[in-house]
Amino acid sequence: MSYFVCPHCQHEIDIFSRGGAEKTASQFQVAFLGNVQLDPDIRKSSDSGKPTVLEGEDSPHAKALYEFARRVISRVADIKANAPEGVIQIQ
């Protein structure tokens, strides 16, 4: 989680600064998988046992989580495609 959107003015506030995760990923030559908004509604739905992603990928709160998941899936597929046969087995 990286930024907060003010519920009053919709301004993005960088809680932890901007670009630090991307810089660190680059430094260690690993893929950066994305940013997720700090959002009280995500916490509330998770605490209630109804994860935000159940709202569907068109939900404003779930979009970043779906995009993050797509990037993880893509990255795993890339790693598997480039690994020697039998080294990585994903079922």
PDB file of N, CA and C in Angstrom:
ATOM      1  N   MET A   1       0.853  -1.176   0.000  1.00  0.00           N
ATOM      2  CA  MET A   1       0.000   0.000   0.000  1.00  0.00           C
ATOM      3  C   MET A   1       0.889   1.226   0.000  1.00  0.00           C
ATOM      4  N   SER A   2       0.456   2.224  -0.744  1.00  0.00           N
ATOM      5  CA  SER A   2       1.405   3.311  -0.924  1.00  0.00           C
ATOM      6  C   SER A   2       0.840   4.716  -0.831  1.00  0.00           C
ATOM      7  N   TYR A   3      -0.405   4.926  -1.162  1.00  0.00           N
ATOM      8  CA  TYR A   3      -0.932   6.289  -1.165  1.00  0.00           C
ATOM      9  C   TYR A   3      -2.347   6.313  -0.611  1.00  0.00           C
ATOM     10  N   PHE A   4      -2.794   7.492  -0.255  1.00  0.00           N
ATOM     11  CA  PHE A   4      -4.125   7.695   0.315  1.00  0.00           C
ATOM     12  C   PHE A   4      -4.822   8.767  -0.509  1.00  0.00           C
ATOM     13  N   VAL A   5      -6.096   8.569  -0.827  1.00  0.00           N
ATOM     14  CA  VAL A   5      -6.876   9.573  -1.542  1.00  0.00           C
ATOM     15  C   VAL A   5      -7.807  10.242  -0.533  1.00  0.00           C
ATOM     16  N   CYS A   6      -7.664  11.552  -0.383  1.00  0.00           N
ATOM     17  CA  CYS A   6      -8.488  12.312   0.550  1.00  0.00           C
ATOM     18  C   CYS A   6      -9.953  12.171   0.163  1.00  0.00           C
ATOM     19  N   PRO A   7     -10.807  11.759   1.098  1.00  0.00           N
ATOM     20  CA  PRO A   7     -12.227  11.589   0.767  1.00  0.00           C
ATOM     21  C   PRO A   7     -12.949  12.914   0.525  1.00  0.00           C
ATOM     22  N   HIS A   8     -12.339  14.015   0.894  1.00  0.00           N
ATOM     23  CA  HIS A   8     -12.980  15.321   0.746  1.00  0.00           C
ATOM     24  C   HIS A   8     -12.622  16.011  -0.570  1.00  0.00           C
ATOM     25  N   CYS A   9     -11.335  15.987  -0.925  1.00  0.00           N
ATOM     26  CA  CYS A   9     -10.899  16.720  -2.124  1.00  0.00           C
ATOM     27  C   CYS A   9     -10.375  15.807  -3.237  1.00  0.00           C
ATOM     28  N   GLN A  10     -10.274  14.499  -2.966  1.00  0.00           N
ATOM     29  CA  GLN A  10      -9.794  13.486  -3.914  1.00  0.00           C
ATOM     30  C   GLN A  10      -8.312  13.632  -4.276  1.00  0.00           C
ATOM     31  N   HIS A  11      -7.578  14.414  -3.500  1.00  0.00           N
ATOM     32  CA  HIS A  11      -6.140  14.598  -3.726  1.00  0.00           C
ATOM     33  C   HIS A  11      -5.393  13.354  -3.249  1.00  0.00           C
ATOM     34  N   GLU A  12      -4.438  12.861  -4.071  1.00  0.00           N
ATOM     35  CA  GLU A  12      -3.601  11.733  -3.657  1.00  0.00           C
ATOM     36  C   GLU A  12      -2.504  12.228  -2.727  1.00  0.00           C
ATOM     37  N   ILE A  13      -2.370  11.558  -1.599  1.00  0.00           N
ATOM     38  CA  ILE A  13      -1.354  11.906  -0.612  1.00  0.00           C
ATOM     39  C   ILE A  13      -0.375  10.732  -0.518  1.00  0.00           C
ATOM     40  N   ASP A  14       0.894  11.006  -0.761  1.00  0.00           N
ATOM     41  CA  ASP A  14       1.914   9.968  -0.700  1.00  0.00           C
ATOM     42  C   ASP A  14       2.344   9.769   0.748  1.00  0.00           C
ATOM     43  N   ILE A  15       1.796   8.769   1.384  1.00  0.00           N
ATOM     44  CA  ILE A  15       2.092   8.486   2.787  1.00  0.00           C
ATOM     45  C   ILE A  15       3.560   8.082   2.956  1.00  0.00           C
ATOM     46  N   PHE A  16       4.048   7.237   2.072  1.00  0.00           N
ATOM     47  CA  PHE A  16       5.403   6.694   2.185  1.00  0.00           C
ATOM     48  C   PHE A  16       6.339   7.234   1.121  1.00  0.00           C
ATOM     49  N   SER A  17       6.040   8.341   0.525  1.00  0.00           N
ATOM     50  CA  SER A  17       6.750   8.941  -0.603  1.00  0.00           C
ATOM     51  C   SER A  17       6.387   8.178  -1.873  1.00  0.00           C
ATOM     52  N   ARG A  18       6.796   8.692  -2.981  1.00  0.00           N
ATOM     53  CA  ARG A  18       6.425   8.096  -4.267  1.00  0.00           C
ATOM     54  C   ARG A  18       7.669   7.544  -4.940  1.00  0.00           C
ATOM     55  N   GLY A  19       7.571   6.337  -5.458  1.00  0.00           N
ATOM     56  CA  GLY A  19       8.653   5.764  -6.249  1.00  0.00           C
ATOM     57  C   GLY A  19       9.661   4.922  -5.495  1.00  0.00           C
ATOM     58  N   GLY A  20       9.536   4.833  -4.187  1.00  0.00           N
ATOM     59  CA  GLY A  20      10.516   4.065  -3.417  1.00  0.00           C
ATOM     60  C   GLY A  20      10.509   2.581  -3.733  1.00  0.00           C
ATOM     61  N   ALA A  21       9.342   2.008  -3.861  1.00  0.00           N
ATOM     62  CA  ALA A  21       9.245   0.571  -4.158  1.00  0.00           C
ATOM     63  C   ALA A  21       9.772   0.268  -5.554  1.00  0.00           C
ATOM     64  N   GLU A  22       9.446   1.149  -6.515  1.00  0.00           N
ATOM     65  CA  GLU A  22       9.937   0.957  -7.878  1.00  0.00           C
ATOM     66  C   GLU A  22      11.467   1.039  -7.914  1.00  0.00           C
ATOM     67  N   LYS A  23      12.019   2.000  -7.172  1.00  0.00           N
ATOM     68  CA  LYS A  23      13.473   2.174  -7.118  1.00  0.00           C
ATOM     69  C   LYS A  23      14.137   0.941  -6.508  1.00  0.00           C
ATOM     70  N   THR A  24      13.566   0.438  -5.425  1.00  0.00           N
ATOM     71  CA  THR A  24      14.141  -0.736  -4.771  1.00  0.00           C
ATOM     72  C   THR A  24      14.045  -1.959  -5.674  1.00  0.00           C
ATOM     73  N   ALA A  25      12.916  -2.124  -6.356  1.00  0.00           N
ATOM     74  CA  ALA A  25      12.759  -3.245  -7.287  1.00  0.00           C
ATOM     75  C   ALA A  25      13.816  -3.174  -8.382  1.00  0.00           C
ATOM     76  N   SER A  26      14.012  -1.983  -8.909  1.00  0.00           N
ATOM     77  CA  SER A  26      15.023  -1.788  -9.946  1.00  0.00           C
ATOM     78  C   SER A  26      16.422  -2.089  -9.414  1.00  0.00           C
ATOM     79  N   GLN A  27      16.698  -1.606  -8.218  1.00  0.00           N
ATOM     80  CA  GLN A  27      18.009  -1.816  -7.603  1.00  0.00           C
ATOM     81  C   GLN A  27      18.317  -3.307  -7.469  1.00  0.00           C
ATOM     82  N   PHE A  28      17.311  -4.094  -7.104  1.00  0.00           N
ATOM     83  CA  PHE A  28      17.519  -5.531  -6.909  1.00  0.00           C
ATOM     84  C   PHE A  28      17.147  -6.351  -8.141  1.00  0.00           C
ATOM     85  N   GLN A  29      16.836  -5.648  -9.231  1.00  0.00           N
ATOM     86  CA  GLN A  29      16.515  -6.274 -10.515  1.00  0.00           C
ATOM     87  C   GLN A  29      15.382  -7.291 -10.393  1.00  0.00           C
ATOM     88  N   VAL A  30      14.321  -6.855  -9.718  1.00  0.00           N
ATOM     89  CA  VAL A  30      13.103  -7.667  -9.619  1.00  0.00           C
ATOM     90  C   VAL A  30      11.932  -6.840 -10.154  1.00  0.00           C
ATOM     91  N   ALA A  31      10.877  -7.524 -10.521  1.00  0.00           N
ATOM     92  CA  ALA A  31       9.718  -6.837 -11.093  1.00  0.00           C
ATOM     93  C   ALA A  31       8.977  -6.042 -10.023  1.00  0.00           C
ATOM     94  N   PHE A  32       8.590  -4.830 -10.385  1.00  0.00           N
ATOM     95  CA  PHE A  32       7.698  -4.042  -9.533  1.00  0.00           C
ATOM     96  C   PHE A  32       6.277  -4.439  -9.903  1.00  0.00           C
ATOM     97  N   LEU A  33       5.472  -4.818  -8.921  1.00  0.00           N
ATOM     98  CA  LEU A  33       4.157  -5.377  -9.204  1.00  0.00           C
ATOM     99  C   LEU A  33       3.003  -4.397  -9.059  1.00  0.00           C
ATOM    100  N   GLY A  34       3.226  -3.223  -8.485  1.00  0.00           N
ATOM    101  CA  GLY A  34       2.166  -2.224  -8.455  1.00  0.00           C
ATOM    102  C   GLY A  34       1.974  -1.543  -7.118  1.00  0.00           C
ATOM    103  N   ASN A  35       1.094  -0.537  -7.141  1.00  0.00           N
ATOM    104  CA  ASN A  35       0.715   0.228  -5.952  1.00  0.00           C
ATOM    105  C   ASN A  35      -0.716  -0.094  -5.569  1.00  0.00           C
ATOM    106  N   VAL A  36      -0.978  -0.099  -4.292  1.00  0.00           N
ATOM    107  CA  VAL A  36      -2.341  -0.293  -3.792  1.00  0.00           C
ATOM    108  C   VAL A  36      -2.656   0.866  -2.852  1.00  0.00           C
ATOM    109  N   GLN A  37      -3.792   1.459  -3.067  1.00  0.00           N
ATOM    110  CA  GLN A  37      -4.216   2.610  -2.270  1.00  0.00           C
ATOM    111  C   GLN A  37      -4.510   2.216  -0.828  1.00  0.00           C
ATOM    112  N   LEU A  38      -4.063   3.054   0.120  1.00  0.00           N
ATOM    113  CA  LEU A  38      -4.469   2.910   1.522  1.00  0.00           C
ATOM    114  C   LEU A  38      -5.916   3.404   1.594  1.00  0.00           C
ATOM    115  N   ASP A  39      -6.833   2.526   1.848  1.00  0.00           N
ATOM    116  CA  ASP A  39      -8.241   2.908   1.801  1.00  0.00           C
ATOM    117  C   ASP A  39      -8.981   2.278   2.983  1.00  0.00           C
ATOM    118  N   PRO A  40      -9.637   3.089   3.798  1.00  0.00           N
ATOM    119  CA  PRO A  40     -10.367   2.548   4.943  1.00  0.00           C
ATOM    120  C   PRO A  40     -11.434   1.534   4.544  1.00  0.00           C
ATOM    121  N   ASP A  41     -12.032   1.684   3.363  1.00  0.00           N
ATOM    122  CA  ASP A  41     -13.055   0.732   2.929  1.00  0.00           C
ATOM    123  C   ASP A  41     -12.475  -0.655   2.671  1.00  0.00           C
ATOM    124  N   ILE A  42     -11.234  -0.705   2.180  1.00  0.00           N
ATOM    125  CA  ILE A  42     -10.580  -2.000   1.980  1.00  0.00           C
ATOM    126  C   ILE A  42     -10.374  -2.681   3.325  1.00  0.00           C
ATOM    127  N   ARG A  43      -9.920  -1.919   4.320  1.00  0.00           N
ATOM    128  CA  ARG A  43      -9.735  -2.488   5.659  1.00  0.00           C
ATOM    129  C   ARG A  43     -11.054  -2.950   6.254  1.00  0.00           C
ATOM    130  N   LYS A  44     -12.087  -2.102   6.138  1.00  0.00           N
ATOM    131  CA  LYS A  44     -13.391  -2.452   6.715  1.00  0.00           C
ATOM    132  C   LYS A  44     -13.954  -3.711   6.094  1.00  0.00           C
ATOM    133  N   SER A  45     -13.885  -3.820   4.768  1.00  0.00           N
ATOM    134  CA  SER A  45     -14.447  -5.009   4.125  1.00  0.00           C
ATOM    135  C   SER A  45     -13.641  -6.248   4.484  1.00  0.00           C
ATOM    136  N   SER A  46     -12.333  -6.105   4.582  1.00  0.00           N
ATOM    137  CA  SER A  46     -11.502  -7.244   4.983  1.00  0.00           C
ATOM    138  C   SER A  46     -11.797  -7.665   6.414  1.00  0.00           C
ATOM    139  N   ASP A  47     -11.918  -6.686   7.307  1.00  0.00           N
ATOM    140  CA  ASP A  47     -12.237  -6.994   8.709  1.00  0.00           C
ATOM    141  C   ASP A  47     -13.597  -7.663   8.855  1.00  0.00           C
ATOM    142  N   SER A  48     -14.527  -7.335   7.963  1.00  0.00           N
ATOM    143  CA  SER A  48     -15.868  -7.916   8.055  1.00  0.00           C
ATOM    144  C   SER A  48     -15.941  -9.302   7.430  1.00  0.00           C
ATOM    145  N   GLY A  49     -14.839  -9.739   6.808  1.00  0.00           N
ATOM    146  CA  GLY A  49     -14.826 -11.060   6.191  1.00  0.00           C
ATOM    147  C   GLY A  49     -15.269 -11.056   4.738  1.00  0.00           C
ATOM    148  N   LYS A  50     -15.449  -9.882   4.159  1.00  0.00           N
ATOM    149  CA  LYS A  50     -15.837  -9.779   2.752  1.00  0.00           C
ATOM    150  C   LYS A  50     -14.736  -9.033   2.003  1.00  0.00           C
ATOM    151  N   PRO A  51     -13.753  -9.761   1.482  1.00  0.00           N
ATOM    152  CA  PRO A  51     -12.641  -9.104   0.797  1.00  0.00           C
ATOM    153  C   PRO A  51     -13.112  -8.207  -0.350  1.00  0.00           C
ATOM    154  N   THR A  52     -12.427  -7.115  -0.526  1.00  0.00           N
ATOM    155  CA  THR A  52     -12.766  -6.126  -1.545  1.00  0.00           C
ATOM    156  C   THR A  52     -12.847  -6.730  -2.936  1.00  0.00           C
ATOM    157  N   VAL A  53     -12.030  -7.709  -3.217  1.00  0.00           N
ATOM    158  CA  VAL A  53     -12.015  -8.288  -4.564  1.00  0.00           C
ATOM    159  C   VAL A  53     -13.333  -8.963  -4.926  1.00  0.00           C
ATOM    160  N   LEU A  54     -14.149  -9.299  -3.927  1.00  0.00           N
ATOM    161  CA  LEU A  54     -15.449  -9.902  -4.226  1.00  0.00           C
ATOM    162  C   LEU A  54     -16.414  -8.916  -4.871  1.00  0.00           C
ATOM    163  N   GLU A  55     -16.064  -7.609  -4.828  1.00  0.00           N
ATOM    164  CA  GLU A  55     -16.877  -6.598  -5.493  1.00  0.00           C
ATOM    165  C   GLU A  55     -16.704  -6.647  -7.006  1.00  0.00           C
ATOM    166  N   GLY A  56     -15.699  -7.363  -7.473  1.00  0.00           N
ATOM    167  CA  GLY A  56     -15.436  -7.473  -8.900  1.00  0.00           C
ATOM    168  C   GLY A  56     -14.354  -6.510  -9.343  1.00  0.00           C
ATOM    169  N   GLU A  57     -13.759  -6.814 -10.484  1.00  0.00           N
ATOM    170  CA  GLU A  57     -12.603  -6.034 -10.912  1.00  0.00           C
ATOM    171  C   GLU A  57     -12.944  -4.642 -11.415  1.00  0.00           C
ATOM    172  N   ASP A  58     -14.218  -4.334 -11.594  1.00  0.00           N
ATOM    173  CA  ASP A  58     -14.606  -2.979 -11.979  1.00  0.00           C
ATOM    174  C   ASP A  58     -14.816  -2.072 -10.769  1.00  0.00           C
ATOM    175  N   SER A  59     -14.778  -2.638  -9.586  1.00  0.00           N
ATOM    176  CA  SER A  59     -14.910  -1.845  -8.371  1.00  0.00           C
ATOM    177  C   SER A  59     -13.694  -0.942  -8.223  1.00  0.00           C
ATOM    178  N   PRO A  60     -13.905   0.333  -7.914  1.00  0.00           N
ATOM    179  CA  PRO A  60     -12.754   1.233  -7.749  1.00  0.00           C
ATOM    180  C   PRO A  60     -11.772   0.754  -6.681  1.00  0.00           C
ATOM    181  N   HIS A  61     -12.278   0.110  -5.646  1.00  0.00           N
ATOM    182  CA  HIS A  61     -11.407  -0.360  -4.568  1.00  0.00           C
ATOM    183  C   HIS A  61     -10.640  -1.616  -4.953  1.00  0.00           C
ATOM    184  N   ALA A  62     -11.175  -2.401  -5.869  1.00  0.00           N
ATOM    185  CA  ALA A  62     -10.555  -3.680  -6.209  1.00  0.00           C
ATOM    186  C   ALA A  62      -9.649  -3.618  -7.434  1.00  0.00           C
ATOM    187  N   LYS A  63      -9.754  -2.573  -8.236  1.00  0.00           N
ATOM    188  CA  LYS A  63      -8.986  -2.512  -9.488  1.00  0.00           C
ATOM    189  C   LYS A  63      -7.498  -2.740  -9.292  1.00  0.00           C
ATOM    190  N   ALA A  64      -6.892  -2.038  -8.353  1.00  0.00           N
ATOM    191  CA  ALA A  64      -5.447  -2.173  -8.133  1.00  0.00           C
ATOM    192  C   ALA A  64      -5.089  -3.576  -7.659  1.00  0.00           C
ATOM    193  N   LEU A  65      -5.955  -4.191  -6.866  1.00  0.00           N
ATOM    194  CA  LEU A  65      -5.687  -5.550  -6.384  1.00  0.00           C
ATOM    195  C   LEU A  65      -5.750  -6.557  -7.528  1.00  0.00           C
ATOM    196  N   TYR A  66      -6.710  -6.389  -8.422  1.00  0.00           N
ATOM    197  CA  TYR A  66      -6.797  -7.267  -9.599  1.00  0.00           C
ATOM    198  C   TYR A  66      -5.579  -7.077 -10.505  1.00  0.00           C
ATOM    199  N   GLU A  67      -5.178  -5.819 -10.705  1.00  0.00           N
ATOM    200  CA  GLU A  67      -4.007  -5.550 -11.541  1.00  0.00           C
ATOM    201  C   GLU A  67      -2.759  -6.156 -10.923  1.00  0.00           C
ATOM    202  N   PHE A  68      -2.624  -6.036  -9.614  1.00  0.00           N
ATOM    203  CA  PHE A  68      -1.495  -6.642  -8.907  1.00  0.00           C
ATOM    204  C   PHE A  68      -1.496  -8.159  -9.129  1.00  0.00           C
ATOM    205  N   ALA A  69      -2.658  -8.793  -8.974  1.00  0.00           N
ATOM    206  CA  ALA A  69      -2.761 -10.244  -9.158  1.00  0.00           C
ATOM    207  C   ALA A  69      -2.401 -10.638 -10.595  1.00  0.00           C
ATOM    208  N   ARG A  70      -2.864  -9.858 -11.590  1.00  0.00           N
ATOM    209  CA  ARG A  70      -2.511 -10.154 -12.979  1.00  0.00           C
ATOM    210  C   ARG A  70      -0.998 -10.076 -13.197  1.00  0.00           C
ATOM    211  N   ARG A  71      -0.360  -9.104 -12.571  1.00  0.00           N
ATOM    212  CA  ARG A  71       1.098  -8.972 -12.713  1.00  0.00           C
ATOM    213  C   ARG A  71       1.830 -10.139 -12.056  1.00  0.00           C
ATOM    214  N   VAL A  72       1.327 -10.605 -10.911  1.00  0.00           N
ATOM    215  CA  VAL A  72       1.931 -11.775 -10.260  1.00  0.00           C
ATOM    216  C   VAL A  72       1.793 -13.001 -11.163  1.00  0.00           C
ATOM    217  N   ILE A  73       0.611 -13.208 -11.705  1.00  0.00           N
ATOM    218  CA  ILE A  73       0.380 -14.362 -12.588  1.00  0.00           C
ATOM    219  C   ILE A  73       1.289 -14.292 -13.808  1.00  0.00           C
ATOM    220  N   SER A  74       1.393 -13.110 -14.393  1.00  0.00           N
ATOM    221  CA  SER A  74       2.245 -12.924 -15.563  1.00  0.00           C
ATOM    222  C   SER A  74       3.710 -13.191 -15.234  1.00  0.00           C
ATOM    223  N   ARG A  75       4.138 -12.685 -14.093  1.00  0.00           N
ATOM    224  CA  ARG A  75       5.535 -12.866 -13.683  1.00  0.00           C
ATOM    225  C   ARG A  75       5.841 -14.336 -13.426  1.00  0.00           C
ATOM    226  N   VAL A  76       4.925 -15.050 -12.774  1.00  0.00           N
ATOM    227  CA  VAL A  76       5.122 -16.482 -12.526  1.00  0.00           C
ATOM    228  C   VAL A  76       5.178 -17.239 -13.852  1.00  0.00           C
ATOM    229  N   ALA A  77       4.312 -16.886 -14.793  1.00  0.00           N
ATOM    230  CA  ALA A  77       4.315 -17.534 -16.112  1.00  0.00           C
ATOM    231  C   ALA A  77       5.638 -17.282 -16.831  1.00  0.00           C
ATOM    232  N   ASP A  78       6.155 -16.048 -16.751  1.00  0.00           N
ATOM    233  CA  ASP A  78       7.439 -15.727 -17.382  1.00  0.00           C
ATOM    234  C   ASP A  78       8.572 -16.551 -16.767  1.00  0.00           C
ATOM    235  N   ILE A  79       8.584 -16.625 -15.461  1.00  0.00           N
ATOM    236  CA  ILE A  79       9.635 -17.387 -14.775  1.00  0.00           C
ATOM    237  C   ILE A  79       9.557 -18.853 -15.159  1.00  0.00           C
ATOM    238  N   LYS A  80       8.345 -19.381 -15.173  1.00  0.00           N
ATOM    239  CA  LYS A  80       8.160 -20.794 -15.524  1.00  0.00           C
ATOM    240  C   LYS A  80       8.593 -21.044 -16.969  1.00  0.00           C
ATOM    241  N   ALA A  81       8.257 -20.133 -17.878  1.00  0.00           N
ATOM    242  CA  ALA A  81       8.596 -20.307 -19.289  1.00  0.00           C
ATOM    243  C   ALA A  81      10.104 -20.280 -19.520  1.00  0.00           C
ATOM    244  N   ASN A  82      10.837 -19.566 -18.680  1.00  0.00           N
ATOM    245  CA  ASN A  82      12.279 -19.438 -18.870  1.00  0.00           C
ATOM    246  C   ASN A  82      13.111 -20.360 -17.984  1.00  0.00           C
ATOM    247  N   ALA A  83      12.460 -21.151 -17.158  1.00  0.00           N
ATOM    248  CA  ALA A  83      13.190 -22.055 -16.266  1.00  0.00           C
ATOM    249  C   ALA A  83      13.482 -23.375 -16.999  1.00  0.00           C
ATOM    250  N   PRO A  84      14.572 -24.023 -16.633  1.00  0.00           N
ATOM    251  CA  PRO A  84      14.838 -25.346 -17.212  1.00  0.00           C
ATOM    252  C   PRO A  84      13.684 -26.293 -16.898  1.00  0.00           C
ATOM    253  N   GLU A  85      13.416 -27.200 -17.811  1.00  0.00           N
ATOM    254  CA  GLU A  85      12.286 -28.120 -17.657  1.00  0.00           C
ATOM    255  C   GLU A  85      12.388 -28.900 -16.349  1.00  0.00           C
ATOM    256  N   GLY A  86      11.281 -28.973 -15.632  1.00  0.00           N
ATOM    257  CA  GLY A  86      11.205 -29.731 -14.392  1.00  0.00           C
ATOM    258  C   GLY A  86      11.646 -28.971 -13.158  1.00  0.00           C
ATOM    259  N   VAL A  87      12.216 -27.788 -13.320  1.00  0.00           N
ATOM    260  CA  VAL A  87      12.686 -27.026 -12.166  1.00  0.00           C
ATOM    261  C   VAL A  87      11.526 -26.384 -11.438  1.00  0.00           C
ATOM    262  N   ILE A  88      10.600 -25.801 -12.183  1.00  0.00           N
ATOM    263  CA  ILE A  88       9.435 -25.166 -11.580  1.00  0.00           C
ATOM    264  C   ILE A  88       8.192 -25.895 -12.043  1.00  0.00           C
ATOM    265  N   GLN A  89       7.449 -26.413 -11.094  1.00  0.00           N
ATOM    266  CA  GLN A  89       6.218 -27.124 -11.433  1.00  0.00           C
ATOM    267  C   GLN A  89       5.065 -26.421 -10.744  1.00  0.00           C
ATOM    268  N   ILE A  90       4.202 -25.815 -11.536  1.00  0.00           N
ATOM    269  CA  ILE A  90       3.035 -25.111 -11.011  1.00  0.00           C
ATOM    270  C   ILE A  90       1.812 -25.880 -11.471  1.00  0.00           C
ATOM    271  N   GLN A  91       0.978 -26.206 -10.535  1.00  0.00           N
ATOM    272  CA  GLN A  91      -0.220 -26.982 -10.884  1.00  0.00           C
ATOM    273  C   GLN A  91      -1.461 -26.204 -10.602  1.00  0.00           C
TER     274      GLN A  91
END
